[in-house]
């Protein structure tokens, strides 16, 4: 067997092992599973400006975007103007719960960011390990909760301003039967 074929066989075996491992790891709490839904629907976080607990359920009556992000995440930051625009257009139907999982940011980092930017989001810190319990492996990571407090969907990454805007506005319009603005 020549060296090229040997390398190809080894790479294939390594890839199969890696895929099997990842599939095994993700099988317990995939988005949409009972455990996953229970964790996110009952999640609560620490407010940055007080000792108050902020729960996802506090926003019943609005679609809640639980946005896991950190200050160094460029795609996360690029999505924020889109979210702000939607909050301004649909203030009674949509809210952003901006959750720092605390992987590298400390609460002080989020407070500093908040002071420098004019976003109306509810900024919180994940001190109860929700991100880890959901097995989030990357950000931006968005979970949508309906106005009834029930899980709607999960999305990792961003599709850019127009795609994210259209997706969220469509979700609002379907949920509330709101006319296009």
N, C-alpha and C. Protein backbone atom coordinates (compact mmCIF):
# COMPACT_ATOMS: atom_id res chain seq x y z
N UNK A 1 0.85 -1.17 0.00
CA UNK A 1 0.00 0.00 0.00
C UNK A 1 0.90 1.24 0.00
N UNK A 2 0.59 2.21 -0.87
CA UNK A 2 1.46 3.39 -0.89
C UNK A 2 1.10 4.34 0.25
N UNK A 3 1.99 5.30 0.50
CA UNK A 3 1.83 6.21 1.64
C UNK A 3 0.55 7.04 1.57
N UNK A 4 0.14 7.44 0.38
CA UNK A 4 -1.09 8.24 0.23
C UNK A 4 -2.31 7.51 0.71
N UNK A 5 -2.41 6.23 0.36
CA UNK A 5 -3.57 5.43 0.78
C UNK A 5 -3.53 5.19 2.28
N UNK A 6 -2.34 4.93 2.84
CA UNK A 6 -2.21 4.73 4.29
C UNK A 6 -2.67 5.97 5.05
N UNK A 7 -2.24 7.12 4.58
CA UNK A 7 -2.63 8.37 5.25
C UNK A 7 -4.14 8.57 5.16
N UNK A 8 -4.72 8.30 4.00
CA UNK A 8 -6.16 8.43 3.82
C UNK A 8 -6.93 7.50 4.75
N UNK A 9 -6.47 6.26 4.90
CA UNK A 9 -7.12 5.30 5.79
C UNK A 9 -7.03 5.78 7.24
N UNK A 10 -5.88 6.24 7.67
CA UNK A 10 -5.70 6.72 9.04
C UNK A 10 -6.60 7.93 9.30
N UNK A 11 -6.65 8.87 8.36
CA UNK A 11 -7.49 10.06 8.53
C UNK A 11 -8.97 9.68 8.59
N UNK A 12 -9.36 8.72 7.79
CA UNK A 12 -10.75 8.26 7.81
C UNK A 12 -11.11 7.64 9.15
N UNK A 13 -10.24 6.79 9.67
CA UNK A 13 -10.48 6.16 10.97
C UNK A 13 -10.56 7.21 12.07
N UNK A 14 -9.64 8.17 12.07
CA UNK A 14 -9.64 9.24 13.07
C UNK A 14 -10.93 10.05 12.96
N UNK A 15 -11.36 10.36 11.75
CA UNK A 15 -12.60 11.12 11.56
C UNK A 15 -13.80 10.36 12.08
N UNK A 16 -13.87 9.07 11.81
CA UNK A 16 -14.98 8.26 12.31
C UNK A 16 -15.01 8.20 13.82
N UNK A 17 -13.87 8.08 14.43
CA UNK A 17 -13.80 8.07 15.90
C UNK A 17 -14.26 9.41 16.45
N UNK A 18 -13.81 10.50 15.84
CA UNK A 18 -14.20 11.84 16.30
C UNK A 18 -15.69 12.05 16.16
N UNK A 19 -16.28 11.67 15.04
CA UNK A 19 -17.71 11.83 14.83
C UNK A 19 -18.49 10.98 15.83
N UNK A 20 -18.04 9.77 16.08
CA UNK A 20 -18.72 8.91 17.06
C UNK A 20 -18.68 9.54 18.45
N UNK A 21 -17.53 10.10 18.82
CA UNK A 21 -17.40 10.74 20.12
C UNK A 21 -18.32 11.94 20.23
N UNK A 22 -18.35 12.80 19.22
CA UNK A 22 -19.19 13.99 19.26
C UNK A 22 -20.66 13.62 19.28
N UNK A 23 -21.05 12.63 18.51
CA UNK A 23 -22.43 12.18 18.49
C UNK A 23 -22.84 11.66 19.86
N UNK A 24 -21.97 10.86 20.51
CA UNK A 24 -22.23 10.34 21.85
C UNK A 24 -22.36 11.48 22.85
N UNK A 25 -21.46 12.48 22.76
CA UNK A 25 -21.46 13.61 23.70
C UNK A 25 -22.74 14.43 23.59
N UNK A 26 -23.25 14.62 22.38
CA UNK A 26 -24.38 15.52 22.20
C UNK A 26 -25.73 14.82 22.32
N UNK A 27 -25.75 13.53 22.51
CA UNK A 27 -27.02 12.82 22.49
C UNK A 27 -27.89 13.07 23.72
N UNK A 28 -27.33 13.49 24.84
CA UNK A 28 -28.11 13.61 26.06
C UNK A 28 -28.95 14.88 26.12
N UNK A 29 -28.47 16.00 25.60
CA UNK A 29 -29.20 17.25 25.72
C UNK A 29 -29.21 18.02 24.41
N UNK A 30 -29.75 17.45 23.38
CA UNK A 30 -29.83 18.19 22.13
C UNK A 30 -30.96 19.21 22.24
N UNK A 31 -30.82 20.31 21.49
CA UNK A 31 -31.86 21.33 21.55
C UNK A 31 -33.18 20.70 21.13
N UNK A 32 -34.18 20.97 21.90
CA UNK A 32 -35.49 20.39 21.65
C UNK A 32 -35.78 19.18 22.52
N UNK A 33 -34.76 18.59 23.17
CA UNK A 33 -35.02 17.45 24.05
C UNK A 33 -35.66 17.95 25.34
N UNK A 34 -36.29 17.04 26.07
CA UNK A 34 -36.97 17.41 27.31
C UNK A 34 -36.08 18.09 28.32
N UNK A 35 -34.88 17.54 28.56
CA UNK A 35 -33.95 18.15 29.51
C UNK A 35 -33.56 19.55 29.07
N UNK A 36 -33.22 19.69 27.81
CA UNK A 36 -32.80 20.97 27.25
C UNK A 36 -33.90 22.02 27.43
N UNK A 37 -35.12 21.65 27.05
CA UNK A 37 -36.25 22.57 27.14
C UNK A 37 -36.49 22.97 28.59
N UNK A 38 -36.46 22.03 29.50
CA UNK A 38 -36.68 22.33 30.91
C UNK A 38 -35.60 23.28 31.44
N UNK A 39 -34.35 23.03 31.07
CA UNK A 39 -33.25 23.88 31.54
C UNK A 39 -33.44 25.32 31.08
N UNK A 40 -33.76 25.52 29.79
CA UNK A 40 -33.86 26.89 29.28
C UNK A 40 -35.15 27.59 29.73
N UNK A 41 -36.25 26.87 29.80
CA UNK A 41 -37.50 27.51 30.21
C UNK A 41 -37.49 27.92 31.68
N UNK A 42 -36.70 27.23 32.51
CA UNK A 42 -36.65 27.55 33.94
C UNK A 42 -35.37 28.30 34.32
N UNK A 43 -34.58 28.69 33.33
CA UNK A 43 -33.30 29.34 33.60
C UNK A 43 -33.47 30.68 34.28
N UNK A 44 -32.51 30.98 35.16
CA UNK A 44 -32.44 32.31 35.77
C UNK A 44 -30.97 32.70 35.90
N UNK A 45 -30.74 34.00 35.91
CA UNK A 45 -29.40 34.55 35.88
C UNK A 45 -29.30 35.71 36.86
N UNK A 46 -28.08 36.18 37.11
CA UNK A 46 -27.87 37.31 38.00
C UNK A 46 -27.87 38.61 37.22
N UNK A 47 -28.67 39.56 37.69
CA UNK A 47 -28.64 40.91 37.11
C UNK A 47 -27.29 41.53 37.40
N UNK A 48 -26.81 42.36 36.50
CA UNK A 48 -25.48 42.95 36.67
C UNK A 48 -25.46 44.12 37.64
N UNK A 49 -26.60 44.76 37.82
CA UNK A 49 -26.62 45.96 38.66
C UNK A 49 -27.27 45.74 40.02
N UNK A 50 -27.56 44.48 40.35
CA UNK A 50 -28.16 44.17 41.66
C UNK A 50 -27.98 42.68 41.92
N UNK A 51 -28.45 42.24 43.07
CA UNK A 51 -28.40 40.81 43.39
C UNK A 51 -29.66 40.09 42.91
N UNK A 52 -30.48 40.80 42.17
CA UNK A 52 -31.74 40.26 41.69
C UNK A 52 -31.53 39.11 40.71
N UNK A 53 -32.40 38.11 40.79
CA UNK A 53 -32.42 37.01 39.83
C UNK A 53 -33.34 37.41 38.69
N UNK A 54 -32.90 37.19 37.47
CA UNK A 54 -33.70 37.45 36.29
C UNK A 54 -33.97 36.10 35.63
N UNK A 55 -35.24 35.75 35.53
CA UNK A 55 -35.63 34.46 34.95
C UNK A 55 -36.19 34.66 33.55
N UNK A 56 -36.01 33.66 32.73
CA UNK A 56 -36.58 33.69 31.38
C UNK A 56 -38.10 33.90 31.48
N UNK A 57 -38.71 33.29 32.47
CA UNK A 57 -40.17 33.38 32.65
C UNK A 57 -40.64 34.78 33.05
N UNK A 58 -39.73 35.66 33.46
CA UNK A 58 -40.11 37.03 33.83
C UNK A 58 -40.64 37.82 32.63
N UNK A 59 -40.41 37.33 31.43
CA UNK A 59 -40.76 38.08 30.23
C UNK A 59 -41.93 37.47 29.47
N UNK A 60 -42.72 36.67 30.17
CA UNK A 60 -43.88 36.05 29.53
C UNK A 60 -44.74 37.14 28.91
N UNK A 61 -45.24 36.88 27.71
CA UNK A 61 -46.00 37.88 26.97
C UNK A 61 -45.18 38.47 25.83
N UNK A 62 -43.87 38.19 25.83
CA UNK A 62 -42.98 38.64 24.76
C UNK A 62 -42.18 37.45 24.26
N UNK A 63 -41.75 37.53 23.03
CA UNK A 63 -40.77 36.56 22.55
C UNK A 63 -39.45 36.96 23.17
N UNK A 64 -38.77 36.01 23.79
CA UNK A 64 -37.51 36.26 24.45
C UNK A 64 -36.39 35.63 23.64
N UNK A 65 -35.41 36.46 23.30
CA UNK A 65 -34.19 35.94 22.70
C UNK A 65 -33.17 35.83 23.82
N UNK A 66 -32.83 34.60 24.19
CA UNK A 66 -31.79 34.36 25.18
C UNK A 66 -30.50 34.24 24.37
N UNK A 67 -29.73 35.31 24.40
CA UNK A 67 -28.53 35.43 23.55
C UNK A 67 -27.28 35.22 24.39
N UNK A 68 -26.64 34.06 24.21
CA UNK A 68 -25.38 33.78 24.90
C UNK A 68 -24.26 34.40 24.08
N UNK A 69 -23.47 35.27 24.71
CA UNK A 69 -22.46 36.06 24.01
C UNK A 69 -21.36 36.44 24.99
N UNK A 70 -20.25 36.96 24.47
CA UNK A 70 -19.20 37.57 25.30
C UNK A 70 -18.62 38.76 24.54
N UNK A 71 -17.94 39.63 25.27
CA UNK A 71 -17.48 40.91 24.70
C UNK A 71 -16.45 40.76 23.59
N UNK A 72 -15.75 39.67 23.51
CA UNK A 72 -14.72 39.46 22.50
C UNK A 72 -15.27 38.83 21.22
N UNK A 73 -16.51 38.39 21.23
CA UNK A 73 -17.11 37.64 20.12
C UNK A 73 -17.63 38.61 19.05
N UNK A 74 -16.88 38.75 17.98
CA UNK A 74 -17.23 39.70 16.92
C UNK A 74 -18.60 39.38 16.29
N UNK A 75 -18.91 38.14 15.94
CA UNK A 75 -20.25 37.88 15.39
C UNK A 75 -21.37 38.22 16.39
N UNK A 76 -21.10 38.01 17.68
CA UNK A 76 -22.09 38.38 18.70
C UNK A 76 -22.34 39.89 18.67
N UNK A 77 -21.26 40.64 18.65
CA UNK A 77 -21.35 42.11 18.66
C UNK A 77 -22.00 42.62 17.39
N UNK A 78 -21.72 41.99 16.26
CA UNK A 78 -22.30 42.42 14.99
C UNK A 78 -23.81 42.20 14.95
N UNK A 79 -24.33 41.26 15.73
CA UNK A 79 -25.77 40.98 15.76
C UNK A 79 -26.54 41.97 16.63
N UNK A 80 -25.87 42.61 17.55
CA UNK A 80 -26.56 43.44 18.53
C UNK A 80 -27.34 44.61 17.92
N UNK A 81 -26.83 45.33 16.92
CA UNK A 81 -27.65 46.39 16.33
C UNK A 81 -28.95 45.86 15.72
N UNK A 82 -28.91 44.69 15.15
CA UNK A 82 -30.12 44.07 14.59
C UNK A 82 -31.13 43.81 15.70
N UNK A 83 -30.67 43.22 16.79
CA UNK A 83 -31.57 42.93 17.92
C UNK A 83 -32.16 44.22 18.49
N UNK A 84 -31.33 45.26 18.60
CA UNK A 84 -31.80 46.54 19.12
C UNK A 84 -32.87 47.13 18.20
N UNK A 85 -32.65 47.07 16.90
CA UNK A 85 -33.62 47.59 15.94
C UNK A 85 -34.97 46.88 16.11
N UNK A 86 -34.93 45.58 16.26
CA UNK A 86 -36.18 44.82 16.41
C UNK A 86 -36.86 45.17 17.74
N UNK A 87 -36.08 45.33 18.80
CA UNK A 87 -36.67 45.73 20.08
C UNK A 87 -37.36 47.08 19.97
N UNK A 88 -36.77 48.00 19.21
CA UNK A 88 -37.36 49.33 19.03
C UNK A 88 -38.63 49.26 18.18
N UNK A 89 -38.64 48.39 17.19
CA UNK A 89 -39.81 48.27 16.31
C UNK A 89 -40.94 47.48 16.96
N UNK A 90 -40.60 46.56 17.85
CA UNK A 90 -41.60 45.69 18.49
C UNK A 90 -41.39 45.67 20.00
N UNK A 91 -41.49 46.83 20.66
CA UNK A 91 -41.16 46.88 22.10
C UNK A 91 -42.10 46.06 22.98
N UNK A 92 -43.31 45.84 22.54
CA UNK A 92 -44.26 45.08 23.36
C UNK A 92 -44.24 43.59 23.06
N UNK A 93 -43.49 43.20 22.01
CA UNK A 93 -43.50 41.79 21.61
C UNK A 93 -42.15 41.09 21.72
N UNK A 94 -41.04 41.83 21.90
CA UNK A 94 -39.72 41.22 21.80
C UNK A 94 -38.76 41.81 22.82
N UNK A 95 -37.96 40.94 23.44
CA UNK A 95 -36.95 41.37 24.40
C UNK A 95 -35.70 40.49 24.23
N UNK A 96 -34.54 41.09 24.47
CA UNK A 96 -33.28 40.36 24.41
C UNK A 96 -32.73 40.21 25.82
N UNK A 97 -32.50 38.98 26.20
CA UNK A 97 -31.84 38.65 27.46
C UNK A 97 -30.41 38.30 27.07
N UNK A 98 -29.49 39.26 27.23
CA UNK A 98 -28.09 39.10 26.82
C UNK A 98 -27.32 38.43 27.95
N UNK A 99 -27.00 37.15 27.75
CA UNK A 99 -26.41 36.32 28.80
C UNK A 99 -24.93 36.10 28.53
N UNK A 100 -24.10 36.54 29.47
CA UNK A 100 -22.68 36.20 29.40
C UNK A 100 -22.48 34.89 30.14
N UNK A 101 -21.98 33.85 29.44
CA UNK A 101 -21.76 32.58 30.12
C UNK A 101 -20.58 32.62 31.09
N UNK A 102 -19.79 33.70 31.05
CA UNK A 102 -18.68 33.83 31.98
C UNK A 102 -17.49 32.96 31.65
N UNK A 103 -17.35 32.58 30.38
CA UNK A 103 -16.21 31.75 30.00
C UNK A 103 -14.91 32.54 30.07
N UNK A 104 -14.96 33.81 29.67
CA UNK A 104 -13.77 34.65 29.82
C UNK A 104 -14.13 36.03 30.35
N UNK A 105 -15.37 36.46 30.17
CA UNK A 105 -15.80 37.75 30.70
C UNK A 105 -16.22 37.62 32.16
N UNK A 106 -15.88 38.63 32.91
CA UNK A 106 -16.35 38.77 34.30
C UNK A 106 -17.51 39.76 34.29
N UNK A 107 -18.32 39.79 35.35
CA UNK A 107 -19.42 40.76 35.38
C UNK A 107 -18.96 42.20 35.11
N UNK A 108 -17.77 42.56 35.58
CA UNK A 108 -17.26 43.91 35.35
C UNK A 108 -17.06 44.21 33.87
N UNK A 109 -16.67 43.19 33.09
CA UNK A 109 -16.51 43.36 31.65
C UNK A 109 -17.83 43.68 30.98
N UNK A 110 -18.88 43.01 31.42
CA UNK A 110 -20.21 43.22 30.84
C UNK A 110 -20.74 44.60 31.24
N UNK A 111 -20.53 44.98 32.49
CA UNK A 111 -20.97 46.30 32.95
C UNK A 111 -20.26 47.39 32.15
N UNK A 112 -18.98 47.24 31.93
CA UNK A 112 -18.22 48.21 31.14
C UNK A 112 -18.75 48.28 29.70
N UNK A 113 -19.01 47.13 29.11
CA UNK A 113 -19.57 47.09 27.76
C UNK A 113 -20.92 47.79 27.72
N UNK A 114 -21.76 47.48 28.68
CA UNK A 114 -23.11 48.05 28.74
C UNK A 114 -23.06 49.58 28.85
N UNK A 115 -22.11 50.09 29.63
CA UNK A 115 -21.98 51.53 29.80
C UNK A 115 -21.52 52.24 28.52
N UNK A 116 -20.80 51.53 27.65
CA UNK A 116 -20.28 52.11 26.42
C UNK A 116 -21.23 51.99 25.23
N UNK A 117 -22.28 51.21 25.38
CA UNK A 117 -23.19 50.95 24.26
C UNK A 117 -24.63 51.25 24.68
N UNK A 118 -25.41 51.69 23.72
CA UNK A 118 -26.78 52.10 23.99
C UNK A 118 -27.77 51.01 23.58
N UNK A 119 -27.65 49.85 24.22
CA UNK A 119 -28.58 48.75 23.95
C UNK A 119 -29.56 48.63 25.11
N UNK A 120 -30.79 48.34 24.76
CA UNK A 120 -31.85 48.21 25.76
C UNK A 120 -32.03 46.78 26.25
N UNK A 121 -31.04 45.93 26.02
CA UNK A 121 -31.13 44.53 26.41
C UNK A 121 -31.11 44.40 27.94
N UNK A 122 -31.57 43.27 28.40
CA UNK A 122 -31.44 42.91 29.80
C UNK A 122 -30.14 42.11 29.88
N UNK A 123 -29.09 42.74 30.41
CA UNK A 123 -27.77 42.11 30.51
C UNK A 123 -27.68 41.34 31.82
N UNK A 124 -27.29 40.06 31.72
CA UNK A 124 -27.19 39.21 32.90
C UNK A 124 -25.94 38.35 32.81
N UNK A 125 -25.60 37.76 33.94
CA UNK A 125 -24.42 36.90 34.05
C UNK A 125 -24.88 35.49 34.42
N UNK A 126 -24.36 34.51 33.71
CA UNK A 126 -24.75 33.11 33.94
C UNK A 126 -23.97 32.52 35.11
N UNK A 127 -24.47 32.76 36.30
CA UNK A 127 -23.81 32.24 37.51
C UNK A 127 -24.39 30.89 37.94
N UNK A 128 -25.36 30.40 37.18
CA UNK A 128 -25.98 29.12 37.54
C UNK A 128 -25.68 28.03 36.50
N UNK A 129 -24.67 28.26 35.68
CA UNK A 129 -24.14 27.24 34.75
C UNK A 129 -25.14 26.78 33.69
N UNK A 130 -26.05 27.65 33.29
CA UNK A 130 -27.04 27.29 32.28
C UNK A 130 -26.34 26.93 30.97
N UNK A 131 -25.37 27.74 30.53
CA UNK A 131 -24.67 27.47 29.26
C UNK A 131 -24.01 26.09 29.28
N UNK A 132 -23.36 25.75 30.38
CA UNK A 132 -22.72 24.44 30.48
C UNK A 132 -23.76 23.32 30.56
N UNK A 133 -24.85 23.55 31.28
CA UNK A 133 -25.90 22.53 31.37
C UNK A 133 -26.58 22.29 30.03
N UNK A 134 -26.62 23.33 29.17
CA UNK A 134 -27.17 23.17 27.83
C UNK A 134 -26.12 22.61 26.86
N UNK A 135 -24.89 22.46 27.36
CA UNK A 135 -23.77 21.95 26.57
C UNK A 135 -23.48 22.83 25.36
N UNK A 136 -23.54 24.15 25.58
CA UNK A 136 -23.23 25.11 24.53
C UNK A 136 -21.73 25.06 24.29
N UNK A 137 -21.35 24.88 23.04
CA UNK A 137 -19.93 24.76 22.73
C UNK A 137 -19.40 25.96 21.96
N UNK A 138 -20.24 26.92 21.62
CA UNK A 138 -19.77 28.09 20.90
C UNK A 138 -20.81 29.19 20.92
N UNK A 139 -20.36 30.40 20.63
CA UNK A 139 -21.25 31.56 20.60
C UNK A 139 -21.01 32.30 19.29
N UNK A 140 -21.96 33.08 18.81
CA UNK A 140 -23.26 33.37 19.41
C UNK A 140 -24.18 32.14 19.39
N UNK A 141 -24.93 32.03 20.47
CA UNK A 141 -25.86 30.92 20.63
C UNK A 141 -27.17 31.53 21.09
N UNK A 142 -28.20 31.36 20.28
CA UNK A 142 -29.47 32.01 20.54
C UNK A 142 -30.57 30.98 20.78
N UNK A 143 -31.33 31.22 21.84
CA UNK A 143 -32.49 30.39 22.13
C UNK A 143 -33.70 31.31 22.15
N UNK A 144 -34.74 30.93 21.42
CA UNK A 144 -35.96 31.72 21.36
C UNK A 144 -37.04 31.06 22.21
N UNK A 145 -37.68 31.89 23.05
CA UNK A 145 -38.77 31.45 23.91
C UNK A 145 -40.01 32.23 23.50
N UNK A 146 -41.12 31.52 23.33
CA UNK A 146 -42.36 32.16 22.90
C UNK A 146 -42.99 33.00 24.00
N UNK A 147 -43.97 33.79 23.61
CA UNK A 147 -44.68 34.66 24.56
C UNK A 147 -45.38 33.86 25.64
N UNK A 148 -45.62 32.58 25.37
CA UNK A 148 -46.25 31.71 26.36
C UNK A 148 -45.23 31.08 27.31
N UNK A 149 -43.95 31.45 27.15
CA UNK A 149 -42.90 30.92 28.02
C UNK A 149 -42.35 29.59 27.58
N UNK A 150 -42.77 29.12 26.41
CA UNK A 150 -42.35 27.80 25.92
C UNK A 150 -41.24 27.95 24.87
N UNK A 151 -40.35 26.98 24.87
CA UNK A 151 -39.24 26.92 23.93
C UNK A 151 -39.73 26.93 22.49
N UNK A 152 -39.09 27.76 21.64
CA UNK A 152 -39.41 27.80 20.22
C UNK A 152 -38.32 27.16 19.36
N UNK A 153 -37.08 27.69 19.51
CA UNK A 153 -36.00 27.19 18.66
C UNK A 153 -34.64 27.63 19.20
N UNK A 154 -33.61 27.02 18.61
CA UNK A 154 -32.23 27.32 18.96
C UNK A 154 -31.46 27.58 17.68
N UNK A 155 -30.51 28.50 17.75
CA UNK A 155 -29.68 28.79 16.59
C UNK A 155 -28.27 29.15 17.06
N UNK A 156 -27.28 28.56 16.40
CA UNK A 156 -25.89 28.90 16.71
C UNK A 156 -25.35 29.71 15.54
N UNK A 157 -24.60 30.75 15.86
CA UNK A 157 -24.02 31.59 14.81
C UNK A 157 -24.97 32.71 14.43
N UNK A 158 -24.66 33.32 13.30
CA UNK A 158 -25.47 34.41 12.80
C UNK A 158 -25.54 34.34 11.28
N UNK A 159 -26.63 34.80 10.74
CA UNK A 159 -26.78 34.81 9.29
C UNK A 159 -26.61 36.19 8.71
N UNK A 160 -26.13 37.12 9.53
CA UNK A 160 -26.01 38.50 9.07
C UNK A 160 -27.27 39.28 9.38
N UNK A 161 -27.17 40.59 9.22
CA UNK A 161 -28.27 41.49 9.62
C UNK A 161 -29.59 41.11 8.97
N UNK A 162 -29.63 41.03 7.65
CA UNK A 162 -30.91 40.85 6.97
C UNK A 162 -31.56 39.52 7.29
N UNK A 163 -30.79 38.46 7.30
CA UNK A 163 -31.35 37.14 7.60
C UNK A 163 -31.86 37.08 9.04
N UNK A 164 -31.04 37.56 9.99
CA UNK A 164 -31.46 37.55 11.40
C UNK A 164 -32.70 38.42 11.59
N UNK A 165 -32.69 39.60 10.97
CA UNK A 165 -33.83 40.52 11.09
C UNK A 165 -35.10 39.84 10.57
N UNK A 166 -35.02 39.31 9.34
CA UNK A 166 -36.20 38.68 8.73
C UNK A 166 -36.70 37.51 9.56
N UNK A 167 -35.81 36.70 10.06
CA UNK A 167 -36.21 35.52 10.84
C UNK A 167 -36.94 35.93 12.12
N UNK A 168 -36.38 36.88 12.83
CA UNK A 168 -36.99 37.28 14.11
C UNK A 168 -38.31 38.00 13.88
N UNK A 169 -38.35 38.92 12.91
CA UNK A 169 -39.59 39.64 12.63
C UNK A 169 -40.68 38.68 12.18
N UNK A 170 -40.33 37.70 11.35
CA UNK A 170 -41.30 36.70 10.94
C UNK A 170 -41.83 35.92 12.15
N UNK A 171 -40.94 35.60 13.07
CA UNK A 171 -41.34 34.89 14.28
C UNK A 171 -42.33 35.74 15.10
N UNK A 172 -42.04 37.02 15.22
CA UNK A 172 -42.92 37.93 15.96
C UNK A 172 -44.27 38.01 15.26
N UNK A 173 -44.25 38.20 13.95
CA UNK A 173 -45.51 38.33 13.20
C UNK A 173 -46.36 37.07 13.29
N UNK A 174 -45.73 35.90 13.22
CA UNK A 174 -46.48 34.65 13.35
C UNK A 174 -47.05 34.49 14.75
N UNK A 175 -46.25 34.83 15.74
CA UNK A 175 -46.67 34.65 17.13
C UNK A 175 -47.78 35.61 17.53
N UNK A 176 -47.70 36.82 17.02
CA UNK A 176 -48.65 37.87 17.44
C UNK A 176 -49.61 38.30 16.34
N UNK A 177 -49.47 37.74 15.14
CA UNK A 177 -50.27 38.16 13.99
C UNK A 177 -50.20 39.67 13.82
N UNK A 178 -48.95 40.19 13.86
CA UNK A 178 -48.72 41.63 13.74
C UNK A 178 -48.51 41.97 12.29
N UNK A 179 -49.06 43.08 11.85
CA UNK A 179 -48.86 43.54 10.47
C UNK A 179 -47.42 43.96 10.27
N UNK A 180 -46.92 43.75 9.05
CA UNK A 180 -45.52 44.14 8.70
C UNK A 180 -45.38 45.64 8.88
N UNK A 181 -44.24 46.03 9.47
CA UNK A 181 -43.97 47.46 9.66
C UNK A 181 -43.20 48.01 8.51
